[in-house]
Amino acid sequence: MADQPTATERFIQGILPENPVLRQLLGLCPALAVTANMKSALTMTGAVLFVLFCANVITSLIRNLLKPHLRIVVFTLTIATFVTIADRFLAAYLYQMSKTLGPYIPLIIVNCIIICRCEVCASKQSVFVAGADAIGQSIGFGLAISAIAAVREILGTGNFFDIPVLPAAWPDWVVMVLPPGAFLTFGLLIGLVNWYETVRAQRPVREVLEPAQSEGA
């Protein structure tokens, strides 16, 4: 469709302008539940990338066969197939991480980010665009939950990837590795992103007004 974003636009939009966590507020369950440390956050990002990319590609390939009243069922079954593969892979090769993440890998099946991208992009555009959209959205998701995890792990334990980065005398903020720490960090990051977007939106206005004021003076 001529009025749909291109592959490049889909990719870029997913990273920050339409960041699924910080801008669309989707996928908040893993963003809050598995971000106590960076290893868990990156593992979840990899699982979401695999599932989202595969689901987008398959949905795009069969987009002309989708029936409006069955499309959500098809999306869910497609996503469930790849979630099962990701879950079994982690259980086989990263057993301890699989235990750490617990039910949150299977819950990717109902992750709103993936269903949303299948509906908004993959069911309407080509495989190439759908793939670019999946990668961009996954990068955006990964950046968001990695930012949350980095803050929580550093302040909560003094480590980063289990490597000490703060002085031994630094008191551990235990609250940061508990659920309240996830909400506090998430709220601060959303505030920071909104502040940045406000400043960026006001910048063109100032660039127009300042020359006009100089000429008037």
N, C-alpha and C. Protein backbone atom coordinates (compact mmCIF):
# COMPACT_ATOMS: atom_id res chain seq x y z
N MET A 1 0.84 -1.19 0.00
CA MET A 1 0.00 0.00 0.00
C MET A 1 0.88 1.24 0.00
N ALA A 2 0.51 2.22 -0.86
CA ALA A 2 1.35 3.39 -1.06
C ALA A 2 1.46 4.26 0.18
N ASP A 3 0.43 4.29 1.01
CA ASP A 3 0.45 5.18 2.16
C ASP A 3 1.04 4.54 3.40
N GLN A 4 1.56 3.32 3.28
CA GLN A 4 2.15 2.63 4.42
C GLN A 4 3.63 3.01 4.55
N PRO A 5 4.18 3.04 5.78
CA PRO A 5 5.60 3.34 5.96
C PRO A 5 6.49 2.33 5.24
N THR A 6 7.67 2.77 4.84
CA THR A 6 8.63 1.89 4.19
C THR A 6 9.33 1.02 5.24
N ALA A 7 10.16 0.09 4.76
CA ALA A 7 10.89 -0.79 5.67
C ALA A 7 11.82 0.03 6.58
N THR A 8 12.50 1.03 5.98
CA THR A 8 13.40 1.87 6.78
C THR A 8 12.64 2.65 7.83
N GLU A 9 11.50 3.20 7.44
CA GLU A 9 10.68 3.96 8.40
C GLU A 9 10.17 3.05 9.52
N ARG A 10 9.72 1.86 9.17
CA ARG A 10 9.25 0.92 10.19
C ARG A 10 10.37 0.58 11.17
N PHE A 11 11.56 0.36 10.64
CA PHE A 11 12.70 0.00 11.47
C PHE A 11 13.05 1.13 12.44
N ILE A 12 13.15 2.34 11.92
CA ILE A 12 13.54 3.49 12.76
C ILE A 12 12.47 3.82 13.78
N GLN A 13 11.22 3.78 13.37
CA GLN A 13 10.13 4.12 14.27
C GLN A 13 10.07 3.19 15.48
N GLY A 14 10.41 1.93 15.26
CA GLY A 14 10.33 0.97 16.36
C GLY A 14 11.35 1.19 17.45
N ILE A 15 12.46 1.87 17.14
CA ILE A 15 13.53 2.03 18.12
C ILE A 15 13.19 3.08 19.16
N LEU A 16 12.74 4.28 18.74
CA LEU A 16 12.39 5.29 19.73
C LEU A 16 11.05 5.98 19.47
N PRO A 17 10.80 6.51 18.23
CA PRO A 17 9.53 7.23 18.04
C PRO A 17 8.30 6.41 18.42
N GLU A 18 8.32 5.11 18.12
CA GLU A 18 7.21 4.23 18.50
C GLU A 18 7.74 3.09 19.37
N ASN A 19 8.66 3.42 20.28
CA ASN A 19 9.21 2.40 21.15
C ASN A 19 8.08 1.64 21.85
N PRO A 20 8.04 0.32 21.74
CA PRO A 20 6.89 -0.42 22.25
C PRO A 20 6.68 -0.30 23.76
N VAL A 21 7.76 -0.13 24.50
CA VAL A 21 7.64 -0.06 25.96
C VAL A 21 7.49 1.38 26.44
N LEU A 22 8.38 2.26 25.99
CA LEU A 22 8.42 3.62 26.53
C LEU A 22 7.45 4.57 25.86
N ARG A 23 7.00 4.25 24.65
CA ARG A 23 6.07 5.15 23.95
C ARG A 23 4.68 4.55 23.82
N GLN A 24 4.60 3.25 23.47
CA GLN A 24 3.29 2.61 23.30
C GLN A 24 2.80 1.93 24.58
N LEU A 25 3.71 1.76 25.55
CA LEU A 25 3.38 1.11 26.82
C LEU A 25 2.84 -0.31 26.61
N LEU A 26 3.50 -1.05 25.73
CA LEU A 26 3.15 -2.44 25.48
C LEU A 26 4.25 -3.34 26.05
N GLY A 27 3.91 -4.58 26.31
CA GLY A 27 4.89 -5.52 26.82
C GLY A 27 5.43 -5.16 28.19
N LEU A 28 4.59 -4.57 29.03
CA LEU A 28 5.05 -4.10 30.33
C LEU A 28 5.30 -5.24 31.32
N CYS A 29 4.65 -6.38 31.13
CA CYS A 29 4.85 -7.49 32.06
C CYS A 29 6.32 -7.92 32.11
N PRO A 30 6.94 -8.28 30.97
CA PRO A 30 8.37 -8.63 31.04
C PRO A 30 9.25 -7.43 31.38
N ALA A 31 8.83 -6.23 30.95
CA ALA A 31 9.63 -5.03 31.24
C ALA A 31 9.78 -4.79 32.73
N LEU A 32 8.80 -5.21 33.50
CA LEU A 32 8.84 -5.01 34.95
C LEU A 32 9.28 -6.27 35.69
N ALA A 33 9.01 -7.44 35.12
CA ALA A 33 9.22 -8.68 35.86
C ALA A 33 10.60 -9.31 35.67
N VAL A 34 11.24 -9.09 34.53
CA VAL A 34 12.49 -9.80 34.27
C VAL A 34 13.67 -8.85 34.12
N THR A 35 13.58 -7.68 34.71
CA THR A 35 14.64 -6.68 34.54
C THR A 35 15.44 -6.45 35.81
N ALA A 36 15.51 -7.44 36.68
CA ALA A 36 16.33 -7.30 37.89
C ALA A 36 17.82 -7.36 37.56
N ASN A 37 18.16 -7.93 36.38
CA ASN A 37 19.56 -7.98 35.95
C ASN A 37 19.63 -8.00 34.44
N MET A 38 20.80 -7.69 33.90
CA MET A 38 20.96 -7.55 32.46
C MET A 38 20.85 -8.89 31.73
N LYS A 39 21.33 -9.96 32.34
CA LYS A 39 21.29 -11.27 31.65
C LYS A 39 19.86 -11.69 31.36
N SER A 40 18.98 -11.51 32.32
CA SER A 40 17.57 -11.86 32.10
C SER A 40 16.95 -10.97 31.04
N ALA A 41 17.27 -9.67 31.08
CA ALA A 41 16.70 -8.73 30.12
C ALA A 41 17.13 -9.07 28.70
N LEU A 42 18.41 -9.38 28.51
CA LEU A 42 18.89 -9.69 27.16
C LEU A 42 18.36 -11.03 26.66
N THR A 43 18.21 -11.99 27.56
CA THR A 43 17.62 -13.27 27.15
C THR A 43 16.18 -13.08 26.70
N MET A 44 15.42 -12.29 27.44
CA MET A 44 14.04 -12.00 27.05
C MET A 44 14.01 -11.25 25.72
N THR A 45 14.93 -10.33 25.51
CA THR A 45 14.99 -9.60 24.24
C THR A 45 15.23 -10.55 23.08
N GLY A 46 16.16 -11.49 23.26
CA GLY A 46 16.43 -12.47 22.20
C GLY A 46 15.21 -13.32 21.89
N ALA A 47 14.49 -13.73 22.93
CA ALA A 47 13.29 -14.54 22.71
C ALA A 47 12.22 -13.75 21.97
N VAL A 48 12.02 -12.50 22.38
CA VAL A 48 11.02 -11.65 21.72
C VAL A 48 11.41 -11.38 20.27
N LEU A 49 12.69 -11.12 20.02
CA LEU A 49 13.16 -10.90 18.64
C LEU A 49 12.86 -12.11 17.77
N PHE A 50 13.20 -13.30 18.26
CA PHE A 50 12.96 -14.52 17.48
C PHE A 50 11.47 -14.70 17.18
N VAL A 51 10.65 -14.58 18.21
CA VAL A 51 9.21 -14.82 18.03
C VAL A 51 8.59 -13.74 17.15
N LEU A 52 8.93 -12.48 17.40
CA LEU A 52 8.33 -11.38 16.63
C LEU A 52 8.74 -11.45 15.17
N PHE A 53 10.01 -11.70 14.90
CA PHE A 53 10.48 -11.78 13.51
C PHE A 53 9.78 -12.92 12.77
N CYS A 54 9.77 -14.10 13.38
CA CYS A 54 9.15 -15.26 12.72
C CYS A 54 7.65 -15.06 12.53
N ALA A 55 6.98 -14.53 13.56
CA ALA A 55 5.53 -14.32 13.46
C ALA A 55 5.21 -13.29 12.39
N ASN A 56 6.00 -12.21 12.33
CA ASN A 56 5.76 -11.18 11.31
C ASN A 56 5.95 -11.75 9.90
N VAL A 57 7.02 -12.51 9.72
CA VAL A 57 7.30 -13.05 8.39
C VAL A 57 6.19 -14.02 7.95
N ILE A 58 5.80 -14.92 8.83
CA ILE A 58 4.76 -15.89 8.48
C ILE A 58 3.43 -15.17 8.21
N THR A 59 3.10 -14.20 9.06
CA THR A 59 1.84 -13.46 8.88
C THR A 59 1.85 -12.71 7.55
N SER A 60 2.98 -12.11 7.21
CA SER A 60 3.07 -11.39 5.94
C SER A 60 2.93 -12.34 4.74
N LEU A 61 3.51 -13.51 4.85
CA LEU A 61 3.44 -14.48 3.75
C LEU A 61 2.00 -14.94 3.48
N ILE A 62 1.18 -15.01 4.53
CA ILE A 62 -0.19 -15.51 4.36
C ILE A 62 -1.22 -14.37 4.46
N ARG A 63 -0.76 -13.14 4.35
CA ARG A 63 -1.66 -12.00 4.58
C ARG A 63 -2.85 -11.98 3.63
N ASN A 64 -2.66 -12.46 2.43
CA ASN A 64 -3.77 -12.46 1.46
C ASN A 64 -4.78 -13.57 1.72
N LEU A 65 -4.44 -14.49 2.62
CA LEU A 65 -5.34 -15.60 2.95
C LEU A 65 -6.09 -15.37 4.26
N LEU A 66 -5.69 -14.33 4.99
CA LEU A 66 -6.30 -14.08 6.31
C LEU A 66 -7.76 -13.65 6.17
N LYS A 67 -8.60 -14.20 7.01
CA LYS A 67 -10.01 -13.80 7.09
C LYS A 67 -10.17 -12.86 8.28
N PRO A 68 -10.87 -11.76 8.11
CA PRO A 68 -10.98 -10.77 9.19
C PRO A 68 -11.41 -11.35 10.53
N HIS A 69 -12.38 -12.26 10.53
CA HIS A 69 -12.90 -12.78 11.78
C HIS A 69 -12.01 -13.86 12.39
N LEU A 70 -10.98 -14.30 11.66
CA LEU A 70 -10.09 -15.34 12.17
C LEU A 70 -8.65 -14.86 12.36
N ARG A 71 -8.39 -13.62 12.03
CA ARG A 71 -7.00 -13.18 12.00
C ARG A 71 -6.33 -13.24 13.38
N ILE A 72 -7.03 -12.87 14.45
CA ILE A 72 -6.42 -12.90 15.78
C ILE A 72 -6.10 -14.33 16.20
N VAL A 73 -6.98 -15.27 15.83
CA VAL A 73 -6.71 -16.68 16.13
C VAL A 73 -5.46 -17.15 15.39
N VAL A 74 -5.35 -16.77 14.13
CA VAL A 74 -4.17 -17.14 13.33
C VAL A 74 -2.92 -16.52 13.93
N PHE A 75 -2.99 -15.23 14.31
CA PHE A 75 -1.84 -14.58 14.93
C PHE A 75 -1.40 -15.34 16.18
N THR A 76 -2.37 -15.67 17.02
CA THR A 76 -2.06 -16.32 18.30
C THR A 76 -1.44 -17.70 18.09
N LEU A 77 -1.99 -18.48 17.16
CA LEU A 77 -1.45 -19.81 16.89
C LEU A 77 -0.04 -19.72 16.31
N THR A 78 0.17 -18.76 15.44
CA THR A 78 1.50 -18.57 14.85
C THR A 78 2.51 -18.19 15.92
N ILE A 79 2.14 -17.24 16.76
CA ILE A 79 3.03 -16.80 17.85
C ILE A 79 3.30 -17.96 18.81
N ALA A 80 2.26 -18.71 19.15
CA ALA A 80 2.42 -19.82 20.10
C ALA A 80 3.41 -20.86 19.59
N THR A 81 3.42 -21.10 18.28
CA THR A 81 4.35 -22.06 17.71
C THR A 81 5.79 -21.67 17.97
N PHE A 82 6.10 -20.40 17.70
CA PHE A 82 7.49 -19.95 17.86
C PHE A 82 7.85 -19.72 19.32
N VAL A 83 6.89 -19.37 20.15
CA VAL A 83 7.15 -19.27 21.60
C VAL A 83 7.53 -20.65 22.15
N THR A 84 6.83 -21.68 21.70
CA THR A 84 7.14 -23.04 22.15
C THR A 84 8.57 -23.42 21.76
N ILE A 85 8.96 -23.07 20.54
CA ILE A 85 10.33 -23.36 20.09
C ILE A 85 11.33 -22.63 20.98
N ALA A 86 11.09 -21.33 21.24
CA ALA A 86 12.01 -20.55 22.08
C ALA A 86 12.08 -21.11 23.49
N ASP A 87 10.93 -21.48 24.03
CA ASP A 87 10.87 -22.00 25.40
C ASP A 87 11.63 -23.32 25.52
N ARG A 88 11.44 -24.22 24.55
CA ARG A 88 12.13 -25.52 24.59
C ARG A 88 13.63 -25.34 24.37
N PHE A 89 14.00 -24.38 23.53
CA PHE A 89 15.43 -24.11 23.29
C PHE A 89 16.11 -23.65 24.58
N LEU A 90 15.47 -22.72 25.28
CA LEU A 90 16.04 -22.24 26.54
C LEU A 90 16.12 -23.36 27.57
N ALA A 91 15.08 -24.18 27.64
CA ALA A 91 15.08 -25.27 28.61
C ALA A 91 16.18 -26.29 28.31
N ALA A 92 16.51 -26.45 27.02
CA ALA A 92 17.51 -27.44 26.63
C ALA A 92 18.94 -26.92 26.77
N TYR A 93 19.16 -25.65 26.42
CA TYR A 93 20.53 -25.14 26.34
C TYR A 93 20.87 -24.09 27.40
N LEU A 94 19.86 -23.45 27.98
CA LEU A 94 20.07 -22.44 29.03
C LEU A 94 19.11 -22.72 30.17
N TYR A 95 19.29 -23.87 30.77
CA TYR A 95 18.30 -24.35 31.74
C TYR A 95 18.14 -23.41 32.93
N GLN A 96 19.26 -22.94 33.47
CA GLN A 96 19.17 -22.07 34.64
C GLN A 96 18.45 -20.77 34.30
N MET A 97 18.73 -20.21 33.12
CA MET A 97 18.03 -18.99 32.70
C MET A 97 16.56 -19.28 32.46
N SER A 98 16.26 -20.45 31.91
CA SER A 98 14.87 -20.84 31.70
C SER A 98 14.12 -20.88 33.03
N LYS A 99 14.76 -21.41 34.06
CA LYS A 99 14.14 -21.44 35.39
C LYS A 99 13.98 -20.03 35.95
N THR A 100 14.98 -19.17 35.70
CA THR A 100 14.91 -17.80 36.22
C THR A 100 13.76 -17.03 35.60
N LEU A 101 13.59 -17.18 34.30
CA LEU A 101 12.52 -16.46 33.60
C LEU A 101 11.15 -17.08 33.87
N GLY A 102 11.14 -18.36 34.23
CA GLY A 102 9.89 -19.01 34.62
C GLY A 102 8.79 -18.90 33.57
N PRO A 103 7.62 -18.42 33.97
CA PRO A 103 6.47 -18.40 33.05
C PRO A 103 6.50 -17.25 32.06
N TYR A 104 7.49 -16.37 32.16
CA TYR A 104 7.45 -15.17 31.31
C TYR A 104 7.81 -15.44 29.86
N ILE A 105 8.52 -16.53 29.58
CA ILE A 105 8.74 -16.91 28.18
C ILE A 105 7.43 -17.40 27.55
N PRO A 106 6.71 -18.35 28.15
CA PRO A 106 5.41 -18.75 27.59
C PRO A 106 4.43 -17.59 27.47
N LEU A 107 4.54 -16.60 28.35
CA LEU A 107 3.61 -15.47 28.29
C LEU A 107 3.85 -14.56 27.09
N ILE A 108 4.95 -14.79 26.36
CA ILE A 108 5.17 -14.03 25.13
C ILE A 108 4.01 -14.26 24.16
N ILE A 109 3.34 -15.40 24.29
CA ILE A 109 2.19 -15.70 23.42
C ILE A 109 1.16 -14.58 23.45
N VAL A 110 0.96 -13.99 24.62
CA VAL A 110 -0.05 -12.93 24.74
C VAL A 110 0.61 -11.55 24.85
N ASN A 111 1.87 -11.46 24.45
CA ASN A 111 2.56 -10.17 24.47
C ASN A 111 1.92 -9.25 23.44
N CYS A 112 1.44 -8.11 23.90
CA CYS A 112 0.70 -7.19 23.02
C CYS A 112 1.57 -6.63 21.91
N ILE A 113 2.89 -6.56 22.13
CA ILE A 113 3.77 -6.03 21.08
C ILE A 113 3.66 -6.90 19.84
N ILE A 114 3.73 -8.21 20.00
CA ILE A 114 3.78 -9.12 18.86
C ILE A 114 2.44 -9.15 18.14
N ILE A 115 1.37 -9.26 18.88
CA ILE A 115 0.04 -9.25 18.24
C ILE A 115 -0.20 -7.93 17.53
N CYS A 116 0.23 -6.83 18.16
CA CYS A 116 0.06 -5.51 17.56
C CYS A 116 0.80 -5.39 16.24
N ARG A 117 2.05 -5.87 16.19
CA ARG A 117 2.84 -5.75 14.96
C ARG A 117 2.29 -6.66 13.86
N CYS A 118 1.78 -7.82 14.23
CA CYS A 118 1.14 -8.68 13.22
C CYS A 118 -0.07 -7.98 12.62
N GLU A 119 -0.83 -7.31 13.44
CA GLU A 119 -2.04 -6.63 12.98
C GLU A 119 -1.72 -5.36 12.20
N VAL A 120 -0.83 -4.53 12.75
CA VAL A 120 -0.57 -3.20 12.18
C VAL A 120 0.29 -3.27 10.93
N CYS A 121 1.29 -4.13 10.94
CA CYS A 121 2.26 -4.16 9.84
C CYS A 121 2.22 -5.44 9.02
N ALA A 122 2.49 -6.57 9.65
CA ALA A 122 2.71 -7.82 8.90
C ALA A 122 1.51 -8.24 8.07
N SER A 123 0.29 -8.01 8.56
CA SER A 123 -0.90 -8.43 7.82
C SER A 123 -1.23 -7.51 6.65
N LYS A 124 -0.44 -6.42 6.49
CA LYS A 124 -0.75 -5.43 5.46
C LYS A 124 0.41 -5.16 4.51
N GLN A 125 1.63 -5.56 4.88
CA GLN A 125 2.79 -5.20 4.07
C GLN A 125 3.65 -6.42 3.74
N SER A 126 4.68 -6.18 2.93
CA SER A 126 5.50 -7.27 2.41
C SER A 126 6.36 -7.90 3.49
N VAL A 127 6.95 -9.04 3.14
CA VAL A 127 7.80 -9.76 4.09
C VAL A 127 9.00 -8.91 4.51
N PHE A 128 9.60 -8.21 3.56
CA PHE A 128 10.77 -7.39 3.87
C PHE A 128 10.43 -6.29 4.87
N VAL A 129 9.32 -5.62 4.65
CA VAL A 129 8.89 -4.55 5.56
C VAL A 129 8.54 -5.15 6.92
N ALA A 130 7.84 -6.28 6.92
CA ALA A 130 7.47 -6.92 8.18
C ALA A 130 8.70 -7.34 8.97
N GLY A 131 9.72 -7.85 8.28
CA GLY A 131 10.95 -8.23 8.95
C GLY A 131 11.67 -7.03 9.55
N ALA A 132 11.74 -5.94 8.77
CA ALA A 132 12.39 -4.72 9.27
C ALA A 132 11.63 -4.16 10.47
N ASP A 133 10.32 -4.22 10.42
CA ASP A 133 9.49 -3.75 11.53
C ASP A 133 9.77 -4.59 12.78
N ALA A 134 9.86 -5.89 12.63
CA ALA A 134 10.11 -6.78 13.77
C ALA A 134 11.46 -6.49 14.40
N ILE A 135 12.47 -6.29 13.58
CA ILE A 135 13.81 -6.01 14.12
C ILE A 135 13.83 -4.66 14.84
N GLY A 136 13.22 -3.64 14.23
CA GLY A 136 13.19 -2.32 14.86
C GLY A 136 12.46 -2.33 16.18
N GLN A 137 11.29 -2.97 16.20
CA GLN A 137 10.51 -3.05 17.44
C GLN A 137 11.25 -3.85 18.50
N SER A 138 11.94 -4.91 18.10
CA SER A 138 12.69 -5.72 19.06
C SER A 138 13.88 -4.95 19.63
N ILE A 139 14.55 -4.18 18.78
CA ILE A 139 15.65 -3.34 19.28
C ILE A 139 15.11 -2.32 20.28
N GLY A 140 13.98 -1.69 19.93
CA GLY A 140 13.36 -0.74 20.85
C GLY A 140 12.99 -1.38 22.17
N PHE A 141 12.41 -2.58 22.09
CA PHE A 141 12.04 -3.33 23.29
C PHE A 141 13.28 -3.65 24.11
N GLY A 142 14.33 -4.12 23.42
CA GLY A 142 15.56 -4.48 24.12
C GLY A 142 16.23 -3.29 24.78
N LEU A 143 16.26 -2.15 24.10
CA LEU A 143 16.86 -0.95 24.69
C LEU A 143 16.10 -0.52 25.93
N ALA A 144 14.78 -0.59 25.86
CA ALA A 144 13.96 -0.16 26.99
C ALA A 144 14.18 -1.04 28.21
N ILE A 145 14.07 -2.37 28.02
CA ILE A 145 14.20 -3.23 29.20
C ILE A 145 15.65 -3.34 29.66
N SER A 146 16.60 -3.13 28.75
CA SER A 146 18.01 -3.13 29.17
C SER A 146 18.32 -1.89 30.00
N ALA A 147 17.72 -0.76 29.63
CA ALA A 147 17.91 0.45 30.43
C ALA A 147 17.36 0.27 31.83
N ILE A 148 16.18 -0.34 31.92
CA ILE A 148 15.59 -0.60 33.24
C ILE A 148 16.46 -1.57 34.02
N ALA A 149 16.91 -2.64 33.36
CA ALA A 149 17.72 -3.65 34.04
C ALA A 149 19.06 -3.09 34.50
N ALA A 150 19.68 -2.24 33.67
CA ALA A 150 20.98 -1.67 34.04
C ALA A 150 20.87 -0.83 35.31
N VAL A 151 19.86 0.03 35.37
CA VAL A 151 19.66 0.86 36.55
C VAL A 151 19.40 0.01 37.77
N ARG A 152 18.53 -0.97 37.63
CA ARG A 152 18.15 -1.81 38.77
C ARG A 152 19.33 -2.66 39.26
N GLU A 153 20.08 -3.25 38.32
CA GLU A 153 21.18 -4.11 38.74
C GLU A 153 22.31 -3.31 39.39
N ILE A 154 22.64 -2.16 38.79
CA ILE A 154 23.74 -1.36 39.34
C ILE A 154 23.39 -0.81 40.72
N LEU A 155 22.23 -0.20 40.85
CA LEU A 155 21.86 0.39 42.13
C LEU A 155 21.47 -0.67 43.16
N GLY A 156 20.90 -1.78 42.68
CA GLY A 156 20.43 -2.80 43.61
C GLY A 156 21.50 -3.73 44.12
N THR A 157 22.52 -4.00 43.29
CA THR A 157 23.56 -4.96 43.69
C THR A 157 24.97 -4.40 43.58
N GLY A 158 25.11 -3.26 42.90
CA GLY A 158 26.45 -2.71 42.68
C GLY A 158 27.19 -3.38 41.55
N ASN A 159 26.51 -4.27 40.82
CA ASN A 159 27.14 -5.01 39.72
C ASN A 159 26.52 -4.65 38.39
N PHE A 160 27.25 -5.00 37.32
CA PHE A 160 26.72 -4.89 35.96
C PHE A 160 27.18 -6.14 35.23
N PHE A 161 26.24 -6.98 34.80
CA PHE A 161 26.56 -8.31 34.27
C PHE A 161 27.37 -9.10 35.31
N ASP A 162 26.98 -8.95 36.57
CA ASP A 162 27.62 -9.64 37.70
C ASP A 162 29.06 -9.19 37.94
N ILE A 163 29.47 -8.08 37.32
CA ILE A 163 30.80 -7.52 37.54
C ILE A 163 30.66 -6.29 38.44
N PRO A 164 31.36 -6.21 39.57
CA PRO A 164 31.24 -5.05 40.46
C PRO A 164 31.63 -3.75 39.75
N VAL A 165 30.79 -2.75 39.82
CA VAL A 165 31.08 -1.46 39.19
C VAL A 165 30.98 -0.31 40.19
N LEU A 166 30.47 -0.55 41.37
CA LEU A 166 30.38 0.47 42.40
C LEU A 166 31.33 0.13 43.54
N PRO A 167 31.79 1.14 44.27
CA PRO A 167 32.69 0.87 45.40
C PRO A 167 32.04 -0.07 46.41
N ALA A 168 32.88 -0.83 47.10
CA ALA A 168 32.37 -1.79 48.08
C ALA A 168 31.60 -1.10 49.19
N ALA A 169 31.94 0.17 49.44
CA ALA A 169 31.26 0.91 50.51
C ALA A 169 29.87 1.39 50.08
N TRP A 170 29.57 1.29 48.79
CA TRP A 170 28.27 1.75 48.30
C TRP A 170 27.17 0.83 48.84
N PRO A 171 26.16 1.40 49.52
CA PRO A 171 25.10 0.55 50.06
C PRO A 171 24.18 0.05 48.94
N ASP A 172 23.86 -1.23 48.97
CA ASP A 172 22.95 -1.79 47.97
C ASP A 172 21.53 -1.30 48.23
N TRP A 173 20.90 -0.79 47.18
CA TRP A 173 19.51 -0.37 47.28
C TRP A 173 18.64 -1.59 46.98
N VAL A 174 18.38 -2.37 47.99
CA VAL A 174 17.67 -3.63 47.80
C VAL A 174 16.32 -3.43 47.11
N VAL A 175 15.69 -2.28 47.36
CA VAL A 175 14.38 -2.02 46.77
C VAL A 175 14.43 -2.06 45.25
N MET A 176 15.61 -1.78 44.66
CA MET A 176 15.71 -1.71 43.21
C MET A 176 15.59 -3.09 42.55
N VAL A 177 15.93 -4.15 43.25
CA VAL A 177 15.79 -5.48 42.66
C VAL A 177 14.47 -6.12 43.04
N LEU A 178 13.65 -5.38 43.79
CA LEU A 178 12.31 -5.84 44.13
C LEU A 178 11.30 -5.18 43.19
N PRO A 179 10.06 -5.66 43.14
CA PRO A 179 9.06 -5.07 42.23
C PRO A 179 8.92 -3.55 42.31
N PRO A 180 8.95 -2.93 43.51
CA PRO A 180 8.85 -1.46 43.52
C PRO A 180 9.95 -0.77 42.73
N GLY A 181 11.15 -1.37 42.72
CA GLY A 181 12.25 -0.79 41.97
C GLY A 181 11.98 -0.77 40.47
N ALA A 182 11.29 -1.79 39.98
CA ALA A 182 10.95 -1.84 38.56
C ALA A 182 10.00 -0.70 38.21
N PHE A 183 9.00 -0.48 39.05
CA PHE A 183 8.04 0.59 38.77
C PHE A 183 8.69 1.96 38.87
N LEU A 184 9.57 2.15 39.87
CA LEU A 184 10.24 3.44 40.02
C LEU A 184 11.12 3.74 38.81
N THR A 185 11.91 2.76 38.40
CA THR A 185 12.80 2.95 37.25
C THR A 185 12.02 3.18 35.97
N PHE A 186 10.98 2.40 35.78
CA PHE A 186 10.14 2.54 34.58
C PHE A 186 9.52 3.94 34.51
N GLY A 187 8.99 4.42 35.64
CA GLY A 187 8.38 5.74 35.67
C GLY A 187 9.39 6.84 35.36
N LEU A 188 10.60 6.72 35.91
CA LEU A 188 11.63 7.73 35.66
C LEU A 188 12.06 7.74 34.19
N LEU A 189 12.17 6.56 33.59
CA LEU A 189 12.57 6.48 32.18
C LEU A 189 11.49 7.06 31.26
N ILE A 190 10.23 6.79 31.57
CA ILE A 190 9.15 7.37 30.77
C ILE A 190 9.18 8.89 30.88
N GLY A 191 9.39 9.40 32.10
CA GLY A 191 9.48 10.84 32.29
C GLY A 191 10.62 11.44 31.50
N LEU A 192 11.78 10.74 31.48
CA LEU A 192 12.93 11.23 30.73
C LEU A 192 12.66 11.26 29.23
N VAL A 193 12.03 10.20 28.72
CA VAL A 193 11.71 10.14 27.28
C VAL A 193 10.70 11.23 26.91
N ASN A 194 9.69 11.43 27.74
CA ASN A 194 8.69 12.47 27.47
C ASN A 194 9.32 13.86 27.51
N TRP A 195 10.23 14.08 28.46
CA TRP A 195 10.94 15.37 28.52
C TRP A 195 11.75 15.60 27.25
N TYR A 196 12.46 14.57 26.80
CA TYR A 196 13.26 14.70 25.58
C TYR A 196 12.39 15.00 24.38
N GLU A 197 11.26 14.31 24.25
CA GLU A 197 10.36 14.55 23.11
C GLU A 197 9.78 15.95 23.17
N THR A 198 9.48 16.47 24.36
CA THR A 198 8.96 17.83 24.49
C THR A 198 10.01 18.85 24.06
N VAL A 199 11.24 18.66 24.52
CA VAL A 199 12.32 19.58 24.15
C VAL A 199 12.56 19.54 22.65
N ARG A 200 12.55 18.36 22.07
CA ARG A 200 12.79 18.24 20.63
C ARG A 200 11.67 18.88 19.83
N ALA A 201 10.43 18.77 20.32
CA ALA A 201 9.30 19.37 19.61
C ALA A 201 9.34 20.89 19.70
N GLN A 202 9.84 21.43 20.78
CA GLN A 202 9.89 22.89 20.97
C GLN A 202 11.06 23.52 20.23
N ARG A 203 12.08 22.74 19.90
CA ARG A 203 13.28 23.30 19.27
C ARG A 203 12.99 23.99 17.94
N PRO A 204 12.22 23.38 17.01
CA PRO A 204 11.92 24.09 15.75
C PRO A 204 11.18 25.40 15.98
N VAL A 205 10.32 25.44 17.00
CA VAL A 205 9.58 26.66 17.28
C VAL A 205 10.55 27.77 17.70
N ARG A 206 11.52 27.44 18.56
CA ARG A 206 12.50 28.43 18.99
C ARG A 206 13.37 28.90 17.83
N GLU A 207 13.71 27.94 16.93
CA GLU A 207 14.55 28.31 15.78
C GLU A 207 13.84 29.28 14.86
N VAL A 208 12.50 29.22 14.82
CA VAL A 208 11.74 30.15 13.99
C VAL A 208 11.55 31.47 14.69
N LEU A 209 11.29 31.44 16.00
CA LEU A 209 10.99 32.66 16.74
C LEU A 209 12.22 33.51 16.98
N GLU A 210 13.36 32.91 17.26
CA GLU A 210 14.56 33.69 17.58
C GLU A 210 15.01 34.60 16.45
N PRO A 211 15.09 34.12 15.18
CA PRO A 211 15.44 35.06 14.09
C PRO A 211 14.43 36.17 13.91
N ALA A 212 13.14 35.85 14.08
CA ALA A 212 12.11 36.86 13.94
C ALA A 212 12.25 37.93 15.03
N GLN A 213 12.56 37.51 16.26
CA GLN A 213 12.75 38.48 17.34
C GLN A 213 13.98 39.34 17.10
N SER A 214 15.04 38.74 16.53
CA SER A 214 16.25 39.50 16.24
C SER A 214 16.00 40.57 15.20
N GLU A 215 15.22 40.21 14.16
CA GLU A 215 14.89 41.18 13.12
C GLU A 215 14.03 42.31 13.65
N GLY A 216 13.11 41.96 14.58
CA GLY A 216 12.23 42.97 15.16
C GLY A 216 13.01 43.95 16.02
N ALA A 217 14.06 43.43 16.70
CA ALA A 217 14.86 44.31 17.55
C ALA A 217 15.68 45.27 16.70
